[in-house]
Amino acid sequence: MNRWYGKLLGLIAGALLFRPNPVFGALIGLIIGHAFDQDWFKLSRDNPYRVFNLTSEASDAEIDQAYRRLISQYHPDKMSGAADDLRRQAEKKAGEINAAYDRIRKLRKR
């Protein structure tokens, strides 16, 4: 997901707010807008679709396919022979994937 509107809004707002020096304001606004676009502030961490790199308009089949692909990649049983650090990371990622999938299922039941 490649968002751009945060940069644009930040650029405009920064230039308008720092009228004595609009170039400096535009630069600051652009940086803040980029931070929002890249989710540095984690405002959209409640979006379970981001785990699967999908949007909320994705079909159930697309969600199931993305879930199966990711869980087969990060399932802890597949990492049984790996180092402890890799196994822990895989368990953590698998937990995130399962939590996101459960959250999507609950949202779709409503």
PDB file of N, CA and C in Angstrom:
ATOM      1  N   MET A   1       0.851  -1.161   0.000  1.00  0.00           N
ATOM      2  CA  MET A   1       0.000   0.000   0.000  1.00  0.00           C
ATOM      3  C   MET A   1       0.900   1.226   0.000  1.00  0.00           C
ATOM      4  N   ASN A   2       0.749   2.020  -1.032  1.00  0.00           N
ATOM      5  CA  ASN A   2       1.606   3.181  -1.195  1.00  0.00           C
ATOM      6  C   ASN A   2       0.749   4.436  -1.077  1.00  0.00           C
ATOM      7  N   ARG A   3       0.705   5.009   0.105  1.00  0.00           N
ATOM      8  CA  ARG A   3      -0.107   6.204   0.309  1.00  0.00           C
ATOM      9  C   ARG A   3       0.717   7.449   0.033  1.00  0.00           C
ATOM     10  N   TRP A   4       0.048   8.492  -0.420  1.00  0.00           N
ATOM     11  CA  TRP A   4       0.719   9.734  -0.772  1.00  0.00           C
ATOM     12  C   TRP A   4       0.022  10.955  -0.201  1.00  0.00           C
ATOM     13  N   TYR A   5      -1.226  10.808   0.193  1.00  0.00           N
ATOM     14  CA  TYR A   5      -2.012  11.982   0.577  1.00  0.00           C
ATOM     15  C   TYR A   5      -1.525  12.637   1.860  1.00  0.00           C
ATOM     16  N   GLY A   6      -0.879  11.911   2.740  1.00  0.00           N
ATOM     17  CA  GLY A   6      -0.321  12.519   3.945  1.00  0.00           C
ATOM     18  C   GLY A   6       0.776  13.511   3.616  1.00  0.00           C
ATOM     19  N   LYS A   7       1.597  13.143   2.646  1.00  0.00           N
ATOM     20  CA  LYS A   7       2.671  14.047   2.217  1.00  0.00           C
ATOM     21  C   LYS A   7       2.095  15.326   1.610  1.00  0.00           C
ATOM     22  N   LEU A   8       1.080  15.172   0.772  1.00  0.00           N
ATOM     23  CA  LEU A   8       0.471  16.332   0.126  1.00  0.00           C
ATOM     24  C   LEU A   8      -0.184  17.255   1.153  1.00  0.00           C
ATOM     25  N   LEU A   9      -0.980  16.670   2.036  1.00  0.00           N
ATOM     26  CA  LEU A   9      -1.641  17.491   3.058  1.00  0.00           C
ATOM     27  C   LEU A   9      -0.627  18.129   4.008  1.00  0.00           C
ATOM     28  N   GLY A  10       0.414  17.399   4.355  1.00  0.00           N
ATOM     29  CA  GLY A  10       1.450  17.946   5.220  1.00  0.00           C
ATOM     30  C   GLY A  10       2.190  19.088   4.559  1.00  0.00           C
ATOM     31  N   LEU A  11       2.462  18.939   3.276  1.00  0.00           N
ATOM     32  CA  LEU A  11       3.145  19.994   2.527  1.00  0.00           C
ATOM     33  C   LEU A  11       2.313  21.280   2.510  1.00  0.00           C
ATOM     34  N   ILE A  12       1.043  21.142   2.206  1.00  0.00           N
ATOM     35  CA  ILE A  12       0.167  22.320   2.145  1.00  0.00           C
ATOM     36  C   ILE A  12      -0.015  22.942   3.521  1.00  0.00           C
ATOM     37  N   ALA A  13      -0.314  22.107   4.521  1.00  0.00           N
ATOM     38  CA  ALA A  13      -0.542  22.632   5.870  1.00  0.00           C
ATOM     39  C   ALA A  13       0.725  23.284   6.421  1.00  0.00           C
ATOM     40  N   GLY A  14       1.866  22.680   6.199  1.00  0.00           N
ATOM     41  CA  GLY A  14       3.116  23.249   6.686  1.00  0.00           C
ATOM     42  C   GLY A  14       3.422  24.600   6.047  1.00  0.00           C
ATOM     43  N   ALA A  15       3.178  24.694   4.748  1.00  0.00           N
ATOM     44  CA  ALA A  15       3.436  25.963   4.058  1.00  0.00           C
ATOM     45  C   ALA A  15       2.500  27.059   4.548  1.00  0.00           C
ATOM     46  N   LEU A  16       1.249  26.688   4.848  1.00  0.00           N
ATOM     47  CA  LEU A  16       0.291  27.685   5.326  1.00  0.00           C
ATOM     48  C   LEU A  16       0.532  28.079   6.781  1.00  0.00           C
ATOM     49  N   LEU A  17       0.954  27.128   7.591  1.00  0.00           N
ATOM     50  CA  LEU A  17       1.153  27.423   9.010  1.00  0.00           C
ATOM     51  C   LEU A  17       2.426  28.234   9.263  1.00  0.00           C
ATOM     52  N   PHE A  18       3.453  28.026   8.476  1.00  0.00           N
ATOM     53  CA  PHE A  18       4.717  28.740   8.635  1.00  0.00           C
ATOM     54  C   PHE A  18       4.836  29.804   7.539  1.00  0.00           C
ATOM     55  N   ARG A  19       3.949  30.743   7.562  1.00  0.00           N
ATOM     56  CA  ARG A  19       3.921  31.752   6.503  1.00  0.00           C
ATOM     57  C   ARG A  19       5.176  32.609   6.431  1.00  0.00           C
ATOM     58  N   PRO A  20       5.837  32.930   7.540  1.00  0.00           N
ATOM     59  CA  PRO A  20       7.067  33.718   7.382  1.00  0.00           C
ATOM     60  C   PRO A  20       8.132  32.986   6.561  1.00  0.00           C
ATOM     61  N   ASN A  21       8.150  31.667   6.651  1.00  0.00           N
ATOM     62  CA  ASN A  21       9.114  30.877   5.891  1.00  0.00           C
ATOM     63  C   ASN A  21       8.383  29.652   5.338  1.00  0.00           C
ATOM     64  N   PRO A  22       7.644  29.785   4.237  1.00  0.00           N
ATOM     65  CA  PRO A  22       6.821  28.671   3.749  1.00  0.00           C
ATOM     66  C   PRO A  22       7.624  27.469   3.264  1.00  0.00           C
ATOM     67  N   VAL A  23       8.850  27.673   2.823  1.00  0.00           N
ATOM     68  CA  VAL A  23       9.661  26.534   2.367  1.00  0.00           C
ATOM     69  C   VAL A  23      10.004  25.634   3.555  1.00  0.00           C
ATOM     70  N   PHE A  24      10.381  26.254   4.661  1.00  0.00           N
ATOM     71  CA  PHE A  24      10.684  25.484   5.864  1.00  0.00           C
ATOM     72  C   PHE A  24       9.437  24.767   6.359  1.00  0.00           C
ATOM     73  N   GLY A  25       8.314  25.450   6.372  1.00  0.00           N
ATOM     74  CA  GLY A  25       7.057  24.840   6.803  1.00  0.00           C
ATOM     75  C   GLY A  25       6.634  23.697   5.911  1.00  0.00           C
ATOM     76  N   ALA A  26       6.815  23.874   4.610  1.00  0.00           N
ATOM     77  CA  ALA A  26       6.463  22.818   3.665  1.00  0.00           C
ATOM     78  C   ALA A  26       7.333  21.586   3.886  1.00  0.00           C
ATOM     79  N   LEU A  27       8.604  21.803   4.160  1.00  0.00           N
ATOM     80  CA  LEU A  27       9.516  20.692   4.407  1.00  0.00           C
ATOM     81  C   LEU A  27       9.128  19.935   5.682  1.00  0.00           C
ATOM     82  N   ILE A  28       8.839  20.674   6.734  1.00  0.00           N
ATOM     83  CA  ILE A  28       8.420  20.030   7.987  1.00  0.00           C
ATOM     84  C   ILE A  28       7.106  19.278   7.783  1.00  0.00           C
ATOM     85  N   GLY A  29       6.157  19.899   7.093  1.00  0.00           N
ATOM     86  CA  GLY A  29       4.880  19.245   6.803  1.00  0.00           C
ATOM     87  C   GLY A  29       5.046  17.995   5.961  1.00  0.00           C
ATOM     88  N   LEU A  30       5.952  18.050   5.000  1.00  0.00           N
ATOM     89  CA  LEU A  30       6.224  16.892   4.156  1.00  0.00           C
ATOM     90  C   LEU A  30       6.791  15.736   4.978  1.00  0.00           C
ATOM     91  N   ILE A  31       7.667  16.040   5.897  1.00  0.00           N
ATOM     92  CA  ILE A  31       8.251  14.994   6.755  1.00  0.00           C
ATOM     93  C   ILE A  31       7.181  14.378   7.650  1.00  0.00           C
ATOM     94  N   ILE A  32       6.352  15.210   8.246  1.00  0.00           N
ATOM     95  CA  ILE A  32       5.283  14.693   9.106  1.00  0.00           C
ATOM     96  C   ILE A  32       4.276  13.885   8.285  1.00  0.00           C
ATOM     97  N   GLY A  33       3.937  14.370   7.094  1.00  0.00           N
ATOM     98  CA  GLY A  33       3.034  13.626   6.217  1.00  0.00           C
ATOM     99  C   GLY A  33       3.603  12.282   5.814  1.00  0.00           C
ATOM    100  N   HIS A  34       4.894  12.245   5.541  1.00  0.00           N
ATOM    101  CA  HIS A  34       5.550  10.970   5.212  1.00  0.00           C
ATOM    102  C   HIS A  34       5.474  10.007   6.394  1.00  0.00           C
ATOM    103  N   ALA A  35       5.670  10.528   7.591  1.00  0.00           N
ATOM    104  CA  ALA A  35       5.589   9.690   8.791  1.00  0.00           C
ATOM    105  C   ALA A  35       4.198   9.082   8.934  1.00  0.00           C
ATOM    106  N   PHE A  36       3.165   9.861   8.678  1.00  0.00           N
ATOM    107  CA  PHE A  36       1.810   9.315   8.739  1.00  0.00           C
ATOM    108  C   PHE A  36       1.566   8.291   7.637  1.00  0.00           C
ATOM    109  N   ASP A  37       2.058   8.561   6.441  1.00  0.00           N
ATOM    110  CA  ASP A  37       1.884   7.617   5.343  1.00  0.00           C
ATOM    111  C   ASP A  37       2.563   6.285   5.617  1.00  0.00           C
ATOM    112  N   GLN A  38       3.688   6.321   6.297  1.00  0.00           N
ATOM    113  CA  GLN A  38       4.427   5.096   6.589  1.00  0.00           C
ATOM    114  C   GLN A  38       4.022   4.450   7.906  1.00  0.00           C
ATOM    115  N   ASP A  39       3.013   5.014   8.582  1.00  0.00           N
ATOM    116  CA  ASP A  39       2.496   4.494   9.851  1.00  0.00           C
ATOM    117  C   ASP A  39       3.544   4.481  10.954  1.00  0.00           C
ATOM    118  N   TRP A  40       4.366   5.507  10.987  1.00  0.00           N
ATOM    119  CA  TRP A  40       5.336   5.604  12.064  1.00  0.00           C
ATOM    120  C   TRP A  40       4.650   5.839  13.393  1.00  0.00           C
ATOM    121  N   PHE A  41       3.469   6.401  13.358  1.00  0.00           N
ATOM    122  CA  PHE A  41       2.739   6.690  14.587  1.00  0.00           C
ATOM    123  C   PHE A  41       1.787   5.564  14.951  1.00  0.00           C
ATOM    124  N   LYS A  42       1.728   4.528  14.152  1.00  0.00           N
ATOM    125  CA  LYS A  42       0.929   3.325  14.394  1.00  0.00           C
ATOM    126  C   LYS A  42      -0.544   3.646  14.616  1.00  0.00           C
ATOM    127  N   LEU A  43      -1.072   4.556  13.844  1.00  0.00           N
ATOM    128  CA  LEU A  43      -2.490   4.890  13.971  1.00  0.00           C
ATOM    129  C   LEU A  43      -3.369   3.795  13.381  1.00  0.00           C
ATOM    130  N   SER A  44      -2.855   3.030  12.453  1.00  0.00           N
ATOM    131  CA  SER A  44      -3.678   2.003  11.833  1.00  0.00           C
ATOM    132  C   SER A  44      -3.278   0.594  12.287  1.00  0.00           C
ATOM    133  N   ARG A  45      -2.745   0.465  13.481  1.00  0.00           N
ATOM    134  CA  ARG A  45      -2.348  -0.873  13.934  1.00  0.00           C
ATOM    135  C   ARG A  45      -3.563  -1.743  14.239  1.00  0.00           C
ATOM    136  N   ASP A  46      -4.731  -1.117  14.350  1.00  0.00           N
ATOM    137  CA  ASP A  46      -5.939  -1.892  14.564  1.00  0.00           C
ATOM    138  C   ASP A  46      -6.508  -2.430  13.259  1.00  0.00           C
ATOM    139  N   ASN A  47      -5.831  -2.211  12.172  1.00  0.00           N
ATOM    140  CA  ASN A  47      -6.279  -2.685  10.871  1.00  0.00           C
ATOM    141  C   ASN A  47      -5.694  -4.075  10.623  1.00  0.00           C
ATOM    142  N   PRO A  48      -6.499  -5.126  10.781  1.00  0.00           N
ATOM    143  CA  PRO A  48      -5.960  -6.483  10.614  1.00  0.00           C
ATOM    144  C   PRO A  48      -5.626  -6.816   9.164  1.00  0.00           C
ATOM    145  N   TYR A  49      -6.158  -6.062   8.220  1.00  0.00           N
ATOM    146  CA  TYR A  49      -5.882  -6.336   6.816  1.00  0.00           C
ATOM    147  C   TYR A  49      -4.434  -6.026   6.450  1.00  0.00           C
ATOM    148  N   ARG A  50      -3.788  -5.148   7.205  1.00  0.00           N
ATOM    149  CA  ARG A  50      -2.394  -4.797   6.919  1.00  0.00           C
ATOM    150  C   ARG A  50      -1.460  -5.990   7.094  1.00  0.00           C
ATOM    151  N   VAL A  51      -1.799  -6.902   7.981  1.00  0.00           N
ATOM    152  CA  VAL A  51      -0.960  -8.092   8.187  1.00  0.00           C
ATOM    153  C   VAL A  51      -0.875  -8.898   6.893  1.00  0.00           C
ATOM    154  N   PHE A  52      -1.992  -8.951   6.164  1.00  0.00           N
ATOM    155  CA  PHE A  52      -2.050  -9.724   4.923  1.00  0.00           C
ATOM    156  C   PHE A  52      -1.767  -8.873   3.690  1.00  0.00           C
ATOM    157  N   ASN A  53      -1.471  -7.581   3.894  1.00  0.00           N
ATOM    158  CA  ASN A  53      -1.209  -6.649   2.804  1.00  0.00           C
ATOM    159  C   ASN A  53      -2.406  -6.571   1.861  1.00  0.00           C
ATOM    160  N   LEU A  54      -3.608  -6.521   2.451  1.00  0.00           N
ATOM    161  CA  LEU A  54      -4.856  -6.428   1.710  1.00  0.00           C
ATOM    162  C   LEU A  54      -5.638  -5.214   2.173  1.00  0.00           C
ATOM    163  N   THR A  55      -6.673  -4.886   1.437  1.00  0.00           N
ATOM    164  CA  THR A  55      -7.584  -3.828   1.853  1.00  0.00           C
ATOM    165  C   THR A  55      -8.856  -4.455   2.390  1.00  0.00           C
ATOM    166  N   SER A  56      -9.706  -3.631   2.966  1.00  0.00           N
ATOM    167  CA  SER A  56     -10.953  -4.159   3.533  1.00  0.00           C
ATOM    168  C   SER A  56     -11.921  -4.597   2.443  1.00  0.00           C
ATOM    169  N   GLU A  57     -11.665  -4.244   1.204  1.00  0.00           N
ATOM    170  CA  GLU A  57     -12.521  -4.670   0.094  1.00  0.00           C
ATOM    171  C   GLU A  57     -12.145  -6.055  -0.431  1.00  0.00           C
ATOM    172  N   ALA A  58     -11.141  -6.681   0.131  1.00  0.00           N
ATOM    173  CA  ALA A  58     -10.695  -7.993  -0.342  1.00  0.00           C
ATOM    174  C   ALA A  58     -11.785  -9.032  -0.100  1.00  0.00           C
ATOM    175  N   SER A  59     -11.864  -9.988  -1.003  1.00  0.00           N
ATOM    176  CA  SER A  59     -12.871 -11.047  -0.871  1.00  0.00           C
ATOM    177  C   SER A  59     -12.420 -12.058   0.176  1.00  0.00           C
ATOM    178  N   ASP A  60     -13.361 -12.890   0.598  1.00  0.00           N
ATOM    179  CA  ASP A  60     -13.045 -13.928   1.575  1.00  0.00           C
ATOM    180  C   ASP A  60     -12.005 -14.903   1.026  1.00  0.00           C
ATOM    181  N   ALA A  61     -12.099 -15.204  -0.263  1.00  0.00           N
ATOM    182  CA  ALA A  61     -11.125 -16.116  -0.883  1.00  0.00           C
ATOM    183  C   ALA A  61      -9.716 -15.521  -0.854  1.00  0.00           C
ATOM    184  N   GLU A  62      -9.596 -14.227  -1.120  1.00  0.00           N
ATOM    185  CA  GLU A  62      -8.290 -13.579  -1.080  1.00  0.00           C
ATOM    186  C   GLU A  62      -7.720 -13.579   0.332  1.00  0.00           C
ATOM    187  N   ILE A  63      -8.566 -13.354   1.312  1.00  0.00           N
ATOM    188  CA  ILE A  63      -8.117 -13.352   2.702  1.00  0.00           C
ATOM    189  C   ILE A  63      -7.663 -14.746   3.108  1.00  0.00           C
ATOM    190  N   ASP A  64      -8.457 -15.761   2.750  1.00  0.00           N
ATOM    191  CA  ASP A  64      -8.077 -17.135   3.083  1.00  0.00           C
ATOM    192  C   ASP A  64      -6.771 -17.532   2.410  1.00  0.00           C
ATOM    193  N   GLN A  65      -6.595 -17.127   1.156  1.00  0.00           N
ATOM    194  CA  GLN A  65      -5.366 -17.451   0.445  1.00  0.00           C
ATOM    195  C   GLN A  65      -4.158 -16.773   1.086  1.00  0.00           C
ATOM    196  N   ALA A  66      -4.298 -15.505   1.444  1.00  0.00           N
ATOM    197  CA  ALA A  66      -3.196 -14.787   2.088  1.00  0.00           C
ATOM    198  C   ALA A  66      -2.893 -15.396   3.455  1.00  0.00           C
ATOM    199  N   TYR A  67      -3.941 -15.781   4.184  1.00  0.00           N
ATOM    200  CA  TYR A  67      -3.738 -16.415   5.499  1.00  0.00           C
ATOM    201  C   TYR A  67      -2.970 -17.723   5.339  1.00  0.00           C
ATOM    202  N   ARG A  68      -3.402 -18.569   4.428  1.00  0.00           N
ATOM    203  CA  ARG A  68      -2.727 -19.857   4.243  1.00  0.00           C
ATOM    204  C   ARG A  68      -1.269 -19.688   3.821  1.00  0.00           C
ATOM    205  N   ARG A  69      -1.035 -18.719   2.938  1.00  0.00           N
ATOM    206  CA  ARG A  69       0.336 -18.482   2.474  1.00  0.00           C
ATOM    207  C   ARG A  69       1.235 -18.035   3.626  1.00  0.00           C
ATOM    208  N   LEU A  70       0.751 -17.078   4.410  1.00  0.00           N
ATOM    209  CA  LEU A  70       1.582 -16.561   5.502  1.00  0.00           C
ATOM    210  C   LEU A  70       1.745 -17.565   6.634  1.00  0.00           C
ATOM    211  N   ILE A  71       0.667 -18.257   6.993  1.00  0.00           N
ATOM    212  CA  ILE A  71       0.781 -19.184   8.123  1.00  0.00           C
ATOM    213  C   ILE A  71       1.647 -20.386   7.753  1.00  0.00           C
ATOM    214  N   SER A  72       1.645 -20.781   6.471  1.00  0.00           N
ATOM    215  CA  SER A  72       2.534 -21.880   6.070  1.00  0.00           C
ATOM    216  C   SER A  72       3.993 -21.436   6.095  1.00  0.00           C
ATOM    217  N   GLN A  73       4.209 -20.160   5.885  1.00  0.00           N
ATOM    218  CA  GLN A  73       5.573 -19.634   5.904  1.00  0.00           C
ATOM    219  C   GLN A  73       6.095 -19.465   7.328  1.00  0.00           C
ATOM    220  N   TYR A  74       5.228 -19.033   8.264  1.00  0.00           N
ATOM    221  CA  TYR A  74       5.675 -18.708   9.611  1.00  0.00           C
ATOM    222  C   TYR A  74       5.223 -19.696  10.679  1.00  0.00           C
ATOM    223  N   HIS A  75       4.647 -20.807  10.284  1.00  0.00           N
ATOM    224  CA  HIS A  75       4.159 -21.755  11.301  1.00  0.00           C
ATOM    225  C   HIS A  75       5.332 -22.280  12.129  1.00  0.00           C
ATOM    226  N   PRO A  76       5.179 -22.291  13.451  1.00  0.00           N
ATOM    227  CA  PRO A  76       6.290 -22.730  14.315  1.00  0.00           C
ATOM    228  C   PRO A  76       6.750 -24.172  14.064  1.00  0.00           C
ATOM    229  N   ASP A  77       5.860 -25.042  13.609  1.00  0.00           N
ATOM    230  CA  ASP A  77       6.261 -26.423  13.328  1.00  0.00           C
ATOM    231  C   ASP A  77       7.244 -26.502  12.167  1.00  0.00           C
ATOM    232  N   LYS A  78       7.165 -25.591  11.242  1.00  0.00           N
ATOM    233  CA  LYS A  78       8.113 -25.562  10.126  1.00  0.00           C
ATOM    234  C   LYS A  78       9.483 -25.098  10.573  1.00  0.00           C
ATOM    235  N   MET A  79       9.539 -24.404  11.705  1.00  0.00           N
ATOM    236  CA  MET A  79      10.795 -23.855  12.209  1.00  0.00           C
ATOM    237  C   MET A  79      11.370 -24.711  13.345  1.00  0.00           C
ATOM    238  N   SER A  80      10.976 -25.962  13.430  1.00  0.00           N
ATOM    239  CA  SER A  80      11.409 -26.788  14.556  1.00  0.00           C
ATOM    240  C   SER A  80      12.924 -27.000  14.579  1.00  0.00           C
ATOM    241  N   GLY A  81      13.572 -27.017  13.430  1.00  0.00           N
ATOM    242  CA  GLY A  81      15.016 -27.228  13.392  1.00  0.00           C
ATOM    243  C   GLY A  81      15.814 -25.937  13.369  1.00  0.00           C
ATOM    244  N   ALA A  82      15.154 -24.820  13.409  1.00  0.00           N
ATOM    245  CA  ALA A  82      15.841 -23.528  13.310  1.00  0.00           C
ATOM    246  C   ALA A  82      16.364 -23.085  14.674  1.00  0.00           C
ATOM    247  N   ALA A  83      17.116 -22.025  14.658  1.00  0.00           N
ATOM    248  CA  ALA A  83      17.661 -21.470  15.893  1.00  0.00           C
ATOM    249  C   ALA A  83      16.523 -20.933  16.772  1.00  0.00           C
ATOM    250  N   ASP A  84      16.818 -20.799  18.060  1.00  0.00           N
ATOM    251  CA  ASP A  84      15.802 -20.358  19.008  1.00  0.00           C
ATOM    252  C   ASP A  84      15.245 -18.985  18.664  1.00  0.00           C
ATOM    253  N   ASP A  85      16.110 -18.073  18.239  1.00  0.00           N
ATOM    254  CA  ASP A  85      15.646 -16.725  17.892  1.00  0.00           C
ATOM    255  C   ASP A  85      14.668 -16.755  16.723  1.00  0.00           C
ATOM    256  N   LEU A  86      15.001 -17.518  15.699  1.00  0.00           N
ATOM    257  CA  LEU A  86      14.113 -17.610  14.541  1.00  0.00           C
ATOM    258  C   LEU A  86      12.788 -18.264  14.905  1.00  0.00           C
ATOM    259  N   ARG A  87      12.860 -19.273  15.766  1.00  0.00           N
ATOM    260  CA  ARG A  87      11.627 -19.956  16.180  1.00  0.00           C
ATOM    261  C   ARG A  87      10.729 -19.014  16.971  1.00  0.00           C
ATOM    262  N   ARG A  88      11.317 -18.212  17.861  1.00  0.00           N
ATOM    263  CA  ARG A  88      10.526 -17.257  18.638  1.00  0.00           C
ATOM    264  C   ARG A  88       9.905 -16.191  17.739  1.00  0.00           C
ATOM    265  N   GLN A  89      10.674 -15.718  16.768  1.00  0.00           N
ATOM    266  CA  GLN A  89      10.137 -14.735  15.832  1.00  0.00           C
ATOM    267  C   GLN A  89       8.993 -15.321  15.010  1.00  0.00           C
ATOM    268  N   ALA A  90       9.152 -16.575  14.595  1.00  0.00           N
ATOM    269  CA  ALA A  90       8.097 -17.235  13.821  1.00  0.00           C
ATOM    270  C   ALA A  90       6.841 -17.426  14.679  1.00  0.00           C
ATOM    271  N   GLU A  91       7.018 -17.792  15.946  1.00  0.00           N
ATOM    272  CA  GLU A  91       5.859 -17.943  16.834  1.00  0.00           C
ATOM    273  C   GLU A  91       5.141 -16.616  17.020  1.00  0.00           C
ATOM    274  N   LYS A  92       5.903 -15.543  17.164  1.00  0.00           N
ATOM    275  CA  LYS A  92       5.308 -14.219  17.339  1.00  0.00           C
ATOM    276  C   LYS A  92       4.547 -13.803  16.077  1.00  0.00           C
ATOM    277  N   LYS A  93       5.159 -14.000  14.919  1.00  0.00           N
ATOM    278  CA  LYS A  93       4.517 -13.637  13.654  1.00  0.00           C
ATOM    279  C   LYS A  93       3.275 -14.498  13.410  1.00  0.00           C
ATOM    280  N   ALA A  94       3.349 -15.790  13.721  1.00  0.00           N
ATOM    281  CA  ALA A  94       2.186 -16.666  13.560  1.00  0.00           C
ATOM    282  C   ALA A  94       1.056 -16.225  14.482  1.00  0.00           C
ATOM    283  N   GLY A  95       1.386 -15.777  15.676  1.00  0.00           N
ATOM    284  CA  GLY A  95       0.365 -15.258  16.590  1.00  0.00           C
ATOM    285  C   GLY A  95      -0.299 -14.009  16.029  1.00  0.00           C
ATOM    286  N   GLU A  96       0.495 -13.114  15.434  1.00  0.00           N
ATOM    287  CA  GLU A  96      -0.061 -11.913  14.807  1.00  0.00           C
ATOM    288  C   GLU A  96      -0.973 -12.280  13.638  1.00  0.00           C
ATOM    289  N   ILE A  97      -0.548 -13.244  12.848  1.00  0.00           N
ATOM    290  CA  ILE A  97      -1.340 -13.671  11.692  1.00  0.00           C
ATOM    291  C   ILE A  97      -2.663 -14.263  12.150  1.00  0.00           C
ATOM    292  N   ASN A  98      -2.613 -15.137  13.144  1.00  0.00           N
ATOM    293  CA  ASN A  98      -3.841 -15.747  13.655  1.00  0.00           C
ATOM    294  C   ASN A  98      -4.770 -14.713  14.281  1.00  0.00           C
ATOM    295  N   ALA A  99      -4.220 -13.780  15.024  1.00  0.00           N
ATOM    296  CA  ALA A  99      -5.043 -12.738  15.649  1.00  0.00           C
ATOM    297  C   ALA A  99      -5.706 -11.869  14.586  1.00  0.00           C
ATOM    298  N   ALA A 100      -4.955 -11.514  13.550  1.00  0.00           N
ATOM    299  CA  ALA A 100      -5.527 -10.698  12.473  1.00  0.00           C
ATOM    300  C   ALA A 100      -6.618 -11.458  11.735  1.00  0.00           C
ATOM    301  N   TYR A 101      -6.398 -12.735  11.480  1.00  0.00           N
ATOM    302  CA  TYR A 101      -7.391 -13.540  10.773  1.00  0.00           C
ATOM    303  C   TYR A 101      -8.662 -13.678  11.611  1.00  0.00           C
ATOM    304  N   ASP A 102      -8.507 -13.909  12.912  1.00  0.00           N
ATOM    305  CA  ASP A 102      -9.677 -13.996  13.789  1.00  0.00           C
ATOM    306  C   ASP A 102     -10.427 -12.672  13.836  1.00  0.00           C
ATOM    307  N   ARG A 103      -9.697 -11.579  13.877  1.00  0.00           N
ATOM    308  CA  ARG A 103     -10.332 -10.257  13.914  1.00  0.00           C
ATOM    309  C   ARG A 103     -11.113  -9.988  12.629  1.00  0.00           C
ATOM    310  N   ILE A 104     -10.544 -10.371  11.496  1.00  0.00           N
ATOM    311  CA  ILE A 104     -11.242 -10.189  10.224  1.00  0.00           C
ATOM    312  C   ILE A 104     -12.507 -11.031  10.187  1.00  0.00           C
ATOM    313  N   ARG A 105     -12.414 -12.257  10.666  1.00  0.00           N
ATOM    314  CA  ARG A 105     -13.593 -13.132  10.692  1.00  0.00           C
ATOM    315  C   ARG A 105     -14.700 -12.514  11.571  1.00  0.00           C
ATOM    316  N   LYS A 106     -14.332 -11.953  12.713  1.00  0.00           N
ATOM    317  CA  LYS A 106     -15.334 -11.315  13.573  1.00  0.00           C
ATOM    318  C   LYS A 106     -15.939 -10.097  12.901  1.00  0.00           C
ATOM    319  N   LEU A 107     -15.117  -9.298  12.228  1.00  0.00           N
ATOM    320  CA  LEU A 107     -15.624  -8.119  11.533  1.00  0.00           C
ATOM    321  C   LEU A 107     -16.554  -8.498  10.390  1.00  0.00           C
ATOM    322  N   ARG A 108     -16.251  -9.575   9.710  1.00  0.00           N
ATOM    323  CA  ARG A 108     -17.061  -9.989   8.570  1.00  0.00           C
ATOM    324  C   ARG A 108     -18.374 -10.633   8.993  1.00  0.00           C
ATOM    325  N   LYS A 109     -18.458 -11.171  10.216  1.00  0.00           N
ATOM    326  CA  LYS A 109     -19.707 -11.776  10.697  1.00  0.00           C
ATOM    327  C   LYS A 109     -20.764 -10.728  10.995  1.00  0.00           C
ATOM    328  N   ARG A 110     -20.334  -9.516  11.332  1.00  0.00           N
ATOM    329  CA  ARG A 110     -21.289  -8.469  11.695  1.00  0.00           C
ATOM    330  C   ARG A 110     -22.195  -8.073  10.600  1.00  0.00           C
TER     331      ARG A 110
END
